C-alpha atoms as a PDB file:
ATOM      1  CA  THR A   1       0.422   0.065   0.009  1.00  0.00           C
ATOM      2  CA  ASN A   2       0.952   3.450  -0.960  1.00  0.00           C
ATOM      3  CA  PRO A   3       0.628   5.624   2.397  1.00  0.00           C
ATOM      4  CA  LYS A   4       0.523   8.593   0.906  1.00  0.00           C
ATOM      5  CA  ARG A   5      -2.699   7.401  -1.071  1.00  0.00           C
ATOM      6  CA  GLN A   6      -4.116   6.814   2.690  1.00  0.00           C
ATOM      7  CA  SER A   7      -6.582   9.491   4.742  1.00  0.00           C
ATOM      8  CA  PRO A   8      -5.230  10.094   8.145  1.00  0.00           C
ATOM      9  CA  TRP A   9      -6.738   8.733  10.658  1.00  0.00           C
ATOM     10  CA  GLN A  10      -9.315  10.916  12.202  1.00  0.00           C
ATOM     11  CA  GLU A  11     -10.972  11.619   8.505  1.00  0.00           C
ATOM     12  CA  LYS A  12     -11.860   7.745   7.652  1.00  0.00           C
ATOM     13  CA  GLU A  13     -14.786   6.402   8.079  1.00  0.00           C
ATOM     14  CA  SER A  14     -15.770   4.583  11.784  1.00  0.00           C
ATOM     15  CA  LYS A  15     -16.805   1.568  10.037  1.00  0.00           C
ATOM     16  CA  ALA A  16     -15.583  -2.042   9.364  1.00  0.00           C
ATOM     17  CA  PHE A  17     -15.446  -2.536   5.632  1.00  0.00           C
ATOM     18  CA  TRP A  18     -14.910  -6.057   3.482  1.00  0.00           C
ATOM     19  CA  ARG A  19     -14.959  -7.086   0.053  1.00  0.00           C
ATOM     20  CA  GLY A  20     -14.437 -10.145  -1.275  1.00  0.00           C
ATOM     21  CA  ALA A  21     -15.379 -13.355  -3.037  1.00  0.00           C
ATOM     22  CA  THR A  22     -17.895 -16.465  -2.572  1.00  0.00           C
ATOM     23  CA  THR A  23     -15.068 -18.669  -1.409  1.00  0.00           C
ATOM     24  CA  SER A  24     -15.386 -20.299   2.058  1.00  0.00           C
ATOM     25  CA  GLY A  25     -17.648 -22.740   0.840  1.00  0.00           C
ATOM     26  CA  ASP A  26     -19.786 -24.434  -2.005  1.00  0.00           C
ATOM     27  CA  TYR A  27     -22.474 -21.810  -2.965  1.00  0.00           C
ATOM     28  CA  SER A  28     -23.835 -24.120  -5.220  1.00  0.00           C
ATOM     29  CA  LYS A  29     -25.161 -26.115  -1.984  1.00  0.00           C
ATOM     30  CA  PRO A  30     -28.237 -25.347  -0.507  1.00  0.00           C
ATOM     31  CA  ASP A  31     -26.182 -25.112   2.757  1.00  0.00           C
ATOM     32  CA  TRP A  32     -24.391 -21.576   1.641  1.00  0.00           C
ATOM     33  CA  GLU A  33     -25.775 -19.898   4.784  1.00  0.00           C
ATOM     34  CA  ARG A  34     -23.508 -21.822   7.044  1.00  0.00           C
ATOM     35  CA  PHE A  35     -19.999 -20.482   5.216  1.00  0.00           C
ATOM     36  CA  ALA A  36     -18.333 -18.125   7.379  1.00  0.00           C
ATOM     37  CA  ARG A  37     -18.232 -15.342   4.509  1.00  0.00           C
ATOM     38  CA  SER A  38     -22.228 -15.658   3.987  1.00  0.00           C
ATOM     39  CA  LYS A  39     -22.096 -14.952   8.185  1.00  0.00           C
ATOM     40  CA  LEU A  40     -20.266 -12.217   7.588  1.00  0.00           C
ATOM     41  CA  ILE A  41     -22.779 -10.530   4.842  1.00  0.00           C
ATOM     42  CA  LYS A  42     -25.463 -11.210   7.342  1.00  0.00           C
ATOM     43  CA  ALA A  43     -24.195  -9.562  10.063  1.00  0.00           C
ATOM     44  CA  SER A  44     -23.468  -6.480   7.941  1.00  0.00           C
ATOM     45  CA  ILE A  45     -26.885  -6.851   6.702  1.00  0.00           C
ATOM     46  CA  GLU A  46     -28.342  -7.192  10.171  1.00  0.00           C
ATOM     47  CA  ALA A  47     -26.442  -3.956  11.612  1.00  0.00           C
ATOM     48  CA  SER A  48     -29.042  -1.402  11.262  1.00  0.00           C
ATOM     49  CA  ASP A  49     -26.913   1.532  12.049  1.00  0.00           C
ATOM     50  CA  SER A  50     -24.246   0.750   9.382  1.00  0.00           C
ATOM     51  CA  VAL A  51     -21.438   0.521  11.737  1.00  0.00           C
ATOM     52  CA  ILE A  52     -20.242  -2.797   9.296  1.00  0.00           C
ATOM     53  CA  ASP A  53     -20.319  -2.479   5.548  1.00  0.00           C
ATOM     54  CA  ALA A  54     -19.573  -6.369   3.778  1.00  0.00           C
ATOM     55  CA  LYS A  55     -20.414  -7.377   0.351  1.00  0.00           C
ATOM     56  CA  PHE A  56     -19.616  -9.845  -2.323  1.00  0.00           C
ATOM     57  CA  SER A  57     -18.250  -8.247  -4.681  1.00  0.00           C
ATOM     58  CA  PHE A  58     -17.443 -11.636  -6.712  1.00  0.00           C
ATOM     59  CA  LEU A  59     -19.511 -14.576  -6.990  1.00  0.00           C
ATOM     60  CA  THR A  60     -17.899 -17.608  -8.390  1.00  0.00           C
ATOM     61  CA  ASP A  61     -19.276 -19.878 -11.054  1.00  0.00           C
ATOM     62  CA  GLN A  62     -20.567 -22.267  -8.512  1.00  0.00           C
ATOM     63  CA  ALA A  63     -22.450 -19.228  -6.823  1.00  0.00           C
ATOM     64  CA  ASN A  64     -24.043 -17.909  -9.768  1.00  0.00           C
ATOM     65  CA  LEU A  65     -25.544 -21.131 -10.644  1.00  0.00           C
ATOM     66  CA  ASN A  66     -27.528 -21.133  -7.123  1.00  0.00           C
ATOM     67  CA  GLU A  67     -30.641 -19.083  -7.261  1.00  0.00           C
ATOM     68  CA  ASN A  68     -31.409 -19.203  -4.025  1.00  0.00           C
ATOM     69  CA  PHE A  69     -28.259 -17.381  -3.086  1.00  0.00           C
ATOM     70  CA  CYS A  70     -28.348 -15.141  -6.070  1.00  0.00           C
ATOM     71  CA  ALA A  71     -31.864 -13.947  -5.219  1.00  0.00           C
ATOM     72  CA  TYR A  72     -30.747 -13.764  -1.661  1.00  0.00           C
ATOM     73  CA  CYS A  73     -27.850 -11.436  -2.513  1.00  0.00           C
ATOM     74  CA  GLN A  74     -30.040  -9.235  -4.786  1.00  0.00           C
ATOM     75  CA  ASP A  75     -32.727  -8.859  -2.322  1.00  0.00           C
ATOM     76  CA  LYS A  76     -30.344  -7.758   0.488  1.00  0.00           C
ATOM     77  CA  GLY A  77     -28.053  -5.937  -1.835  1.00  0.00           C
ATOM     78  CA  ALA A  78     -25.195  -7.714  -0.926  1.00  0.00           C
ATOM     79  CA  ILE A  79     -23.352  -7.654  -4.216  1.00  0.00           C
ATOM     80  CA  SER A  80     -21.039  -5.143  -5.110  1.00  0.00           C
ATOM     81  CA  SER A  81     -18.239  -4.022  -7.865  1.00  0.00           C
ATOM     82  CA  PHE A  82     -14.774  -4.290  -7.122  1.00  0.00           C
ATOM     83  CA  VAL A  83     -13.288  -1.771  -4.659  1.00  0.00           C
ATOM     84  CA  LYS A  84      -9.726  -0.845  -5.163  1.00  0.00           C
ATOM     85  CA  VAL A  85      -7.130  -1.675  -2.040  1.00  0.00           C
ATOM     86  CA  GLU A  86      -6.479   2.408  -2.230  1.00  0.00           C
ATOM     87  CA  ASP A  87     -10.738   2.945  -1.414  1.00  0.00           C
ATOM     88  CA  HIS A  88     -10.420   0.257   1.442  1.00  0.00           C
ATOM     89  CA  LEU A  89      -8.089   2.377   3.287  1.00  0.00           C
ATOM     90  CA  GLN A  90     -11.008   5.067   3.806  1.00  0.00           C
ATOM     91  CA  TYR A  91     -11.982   2.911   6.514  1.00  0.00           C
ATOM     92  CA  LYS A  92     -11.138   2.936  10.106  1.00  0.00           C
ATOM     93  CA  TYR A  93     -11.576  -0.863  10.215  1.00  0.00           C
ATOM     94  CA  LEU A  94     -10.922  -3.541   8.034  1.00  0.00           C
ATOM     95  CA  ILE A  95     -12.167  -6.904   7.848  1.00  0.00           C
ATOM     96  CA  ASP A  96      -9.730 -10.088   6.763  1.00  0.00           C
ATOM     97  CA  ILE A  97     -12.034 -13.505   6.725  1.00  0.00           C
ATOM     98  CA  ASP A  98     -10.271 -16.301   5.481  1.00  0.00           C
ATOM     99  CA  GLY A  99     -12.146 -18.296   2.250  1.00  0.00           C
ATOM    100  CA  ASN A 100     -10.642 -21.886   0.419  1.00  0.00           C
ATOM    101  CA  ALA A 101      -7.464 -21.087   2.732  1.00  0.00           C
ATOM    102  CA  SER A 102      -5.659 -18.298   4.338  1.00  0.00           C
ATOM    103  CA  THR A 103      -5.710 -14.537   2.861  1.00  0.00           C
ATOM    104  CA  TYR A 104      -2.373 -14.016   2.956  1.00  0.00           C
ATOM    105  CA  SER A 105      -2.457 -10.852   0.895  1.00  0.00           C
ATOM    106  CA  ARG A 106      -5.371  -9.233   2.400  1.00  0.00           C
ATOM    107  CA  PHE A 107      -3.894  -9.793   5.507  1.00  0.00           C
ATOM    108  CA  TYR A 108      -0.652  -8.385   4.486  1.00  0.00           C
ATOM    109  CA  TRP A 109      -1.354  -5.328   3.169  1.00  0.00           C
ATOM    110  CA  ILE A 110      -3.965  -4.405   5.925  1.00  0.00           C
ATOM    111  CA  LEU A 111      -1.587  -4.725   8.657  1.00  0.00           C
ATOM    112  CA  ARG A 112       1.113  -2.271   6.201  1.00  0.00           C
ATOM    113  CA  SER A 113      -1.395   0.197   6.408  1.00  0.00           C
ATOM    114  CA  ASP A 114      -2.653   2.716   8.697  1.00  0.00           C
ATOM    115  CA  THR A 115      -6.087   1.010   9.526  1.00  0.00           C
ATOM    116  CA  MET A 116      -7.075  -1.843  12.113  1.00  0.00           C
ATOM    117  CA  PRO A 117      -7.490  -4.978  11.428  1.00  0.00           C
ATOM    118  CA  LEU A 118     -10.818  -6.662  12.506  1.00  0.00           C
ATOM    119  CA  LYS A 119      -9.497 -10.361  11.806  1.00  0.00           C
ATOM    120  CA  VAL A 120     -12.037 -13.575  12.430  1.00  0.00           C
ATOM    121  CA  ASP A 121     -10.639 -16.654  13.772  1.00  0.00           C
ATOM    122  CA  SER A 122      -9.618 -19.532  11.451  1.00  0.00           C
ATOM    123  CA  GLU A 123      -8.000 -22.858  11.503  1.00  0.00           C
ATOM    124  CA  PHE A 124      -5.911 -21.398   8.677  1.00  0.00           C
ATOM    125  CA  THR A 125      -2.299 -19.724   9.510  1.00  0.00           C
ATOM    126  CA  GLN A 126       0.602 -18.286   7.811  1.00  0.00           C
ATOM    127  CA  TRP A 127       4.221 -18.288   9.602  1.00  0.00           C
ATOM    128  CA  TYR A 128       4.162 -14.929  10.571  1.00  0.00           C
ATOM    129  CA  TYR A 129       1.009 -15.746  12.929  1.00  0.00           C
ATOM    130  CA  PRO A 130       2.588 -16.803  16.179  1.00  0.00           C
ATOM    131  CA  GLY A 131       4.024 -13.284  16.222  1.00  0.00           C
ATOM    132  CA  LEU A 132       0.852 -11.517  16.365  1.00  0.00           C
ATOM    133  CA  THR A 133      -1.180 -10.755  19.056  1.00  0.00           C
ATOM    134  CA  PRO A 134      -5.009 -10.137  18.978  1.00  0.00           C
ATOM    135  CA  GLY A 135      -5.765  -6.854  21.002  1.00  0.00           C
ATOM    136  CA  VAL A 136      -2.020  -5.612  20.255  1.00  0.00           C
ATOM    137  CA  HIS A 137      -1.695  -5.825  16.396  1.00  0.00           C
ATOM    138  CA  TYR A 138      -5.588  -6.841  15.335  1.00  0.00           C
ATOM    139  CA  LEU A 139      -8.667  -7.239  17.265  1.00  0.00           C
ATOM    140  CA  GLY A 140      -9.814 -10.467  17.321  1.00  0.00           C
ATOM    141  CA  VAL A 141     -13.485 -12.114  15.582  1.00  0.00           C
ATOM    142  CA  ASP A 142     -14.456 -15.331  16.895  1.00  0.00           C
ATOM    143  CA  GLY A 143     -15.069 -17.725  14.329  1.00  0.00           C
ATOM    144  CA  ASP A 144     -18.889 -17.429  14.196  1.00  0.00           C
ATOM    145  CA  LEU A 145     -18.641 -13.606  13.754  1.00  0.00           C
ATOM    146  CA  ARG A 146     -21.372 -13.405  17.115  1.00  0.00           C
ATOM    147  CA  ASN A 147     -19.176 -11.062  18.441  1.00  0.00           C
ATOM    148  CA  LEU A 148     -18.265  -8.821  15.270  1.00  0.00           C
ATOM    149  CA  TYR A 149     -20.469  -6.267  15.823  1.00  0.00           C
ATOM    150  CA  HIS A 150     -19.876  -5.747  19.369  1.00  0.00           C
ATOM    151  CA  GLN A 151     -15.834  -5.273  18.489  1.00  0.00           C
ATOM    152  CA  VAL A 152     -16.660  -2.549  16.039  1.00  0.00           C
ATOM    153  CA  LEU A 153     -18.471  -0.674  19.032  1.00  0.00           C
ATOM    154  CA  TRP A 154     -15.869  -0.982  21.040  1.00  0.00           C
ATOM    155  CA  ALA A 155     -13.304   0.226  18.168  1.00  0.00           C
ATOM    156  CA  GLN A 156     -15.688   3.423  18.208  1.00  0.00           C
ATOM    157  CA  ALA A 157     -15.853   3.743  21.882  1.00  0.00           C
ATOM    158  CA  HIS A 158     -12.232   3.551  22.255  1.00  0.00           C
ATOM    159  CA  ASP A 159     -10.752   5.317  19.075  1.00  0.00           C
ATOM    160  CA  GLU A 160      -7.504   5.688  20.525  1.00  0.00           C
ATOM    161  CA  ARG A 161      -6.838   2.150  21.584  1.00  0.00           C
ATOM    162  CA  ALA A 162      -8.227   1.365  18.177  1.00  0.00           C
ATOM    163  CA  TYR A 163      -5.318   3.794  16.401  1.00  0.00           C
ATOM    164  CA  HIS A 164      -2.618   2.327  18.939  1.00  0.00           C
ATOM    165  CA  ILE A 165      -3.689  -0.783  17.662  1.00  0.00           C
ATOM    166  CA  ALA A 166      -3.547   0.090  14.135  1.00  0.00           C
ATOM    167  CA  GLN A 167      -0.202   1.420  14.857  1.00  0.00           C
ATOM    168  CA  GLN A 168       1.148  -1.675  16.619  1.00  0.00           C
ATOM    169  CA  GLY A 169       0.352  -3.487  13.171  1.00  0.00           C
ATOM    170  CA  ALA A 170       1.829  -1.634  10.905  1.00  0.00           C
ATOM    171  CA  LEU A 171       5.109  -1.770  13.245  1.00  0.00           C
ATOM    172  CA  PHE A 172       4.756  -5.389  12.899  1.00  0.00           C
ATOM    173  CA  ALA A 173       4.611  -5.681   9.050  1.00  0.00           C
ATOM    174  CA  LYS A 174       7.126  -2.951   8.401  1.00  0.00           C
ATOM    175  CA  ARG A 175       9.735  -4.898  10.880  1.00  0.00           C
ATOM    176  CA  TYR A 176       9.192  -8.813  10.203  1.00  0.00           C
ATOM    177  CA  LEU A 177       7.106  -8.719   6.758  1.00  0.00           C
ATOM    178  CA  SER A 178       9.599  -6.285   4.957  1.00  0.00           C
ATOM    179  CA  ASP A 179      11.505  -7.854   2.084  1.00  0.00           C
ATOM    180  CA  ASP A 180      14.697  -8.692   4.408  1.00  0.00           C
ATOM    181  CA  GLY A 181      12.498 -10.247   7.443  1.00  0.00           C
ATOM    182  CA  VAL A 182      10.603 -12.308   4.533  1.00  0.00           C
ATOM    183  CA  TYR A 183      14.240 -13.686   3.636  1.00  0.00           C
ATOM    184  CA  SER A 184      15.887 -13.407   7.065  1.00  0.00           C
ATOM    185  CA  TYR A 185      12.731 -16.055   8.228  1.00  0.00           C
ATOM    186  CA  LEU A 186      12.898 -18.506   5.246  1.00  0.00           C
ATOM    187  CA  TYR A 187      17.284 -18.705   6.000  1.00  0.00           C
ATOM    188  CA  TYR A 188      16.456 -19.721   9.382  1.00  0.00           C
ATOM    189  CA  LEU A 189      14.038 -22.015   8.023  1.00  0.00           C
ATOM    190  CA  LEU A 190      16.082 -23.315   5.842  1.00  0.00           C
ATOM    191  CA  LEU A 191      19.093 -23.768   8.183  1.00  0.00           C
ATOM    192  CA  ARG A 192      16.569 -25.702  10.732  1.00  0.00           C
ATOM    193  CA  TYR A 193      15.499 -28.186   8.358  1.00  0.00           C
ATOM    194  CA  SER A 194      18.768 -28.623   6.912  1.00  0.00           C
ATOM    195  CA  ALA A 195      20.176 -29.324  10.808  1.00  0.00           C
ATOM    196  CA  LEU A 196      17.058 -32.180  10.201  1.00  0.00           C
ATOM    197  CA  TYR A 197      18.950 -33.878   7.705  1.00  0.00           C
ATOM    198  CA  SER A 198      22.102 -33.305   8.706  1.00  0.00           C
ATOM    199  CA  ASP A 199      24.671 -36.136   9.969  1.00  0.00           C
END
């Protein structure tokens, strides 16, 4: 992300924002409502005060084949056009929710930006996750998303702490997710692997 394209913290909108694809399950199936990203869209729809703005910006082929799902999205206004990264950065809180796997590139640029990550719990993991602490580098959200709305309200009520979390996430990314940080991790990882197979 380009810091020059970002708005200062106080100029950002105090709401949680997400755009993404219909991954995290086979949306051609009748049980599409149980998928994590479906639950996120439902949470956005139920947030009557509009503090959560989550919509699908891309429907996979499986989703397009599901008439029930498509009708639901049309009726609820749950489909959006593509939103550029720099336009995401107009919001204070950005949601990271895994799809078929970890959202490696998304969480990476969220951490590097001047926004507070709202990371939904998942069984998927990346190599740098053990270095992150909820409440320090990001605000955690339960996997079933039941506390998402509460977490957004908490961030709104504790603006200074939310900004501090955004700053800490950015500092972590700058130190450990830079090119030098990634190469250093790979170097020591390969040394450890080498030791396992040395005589």
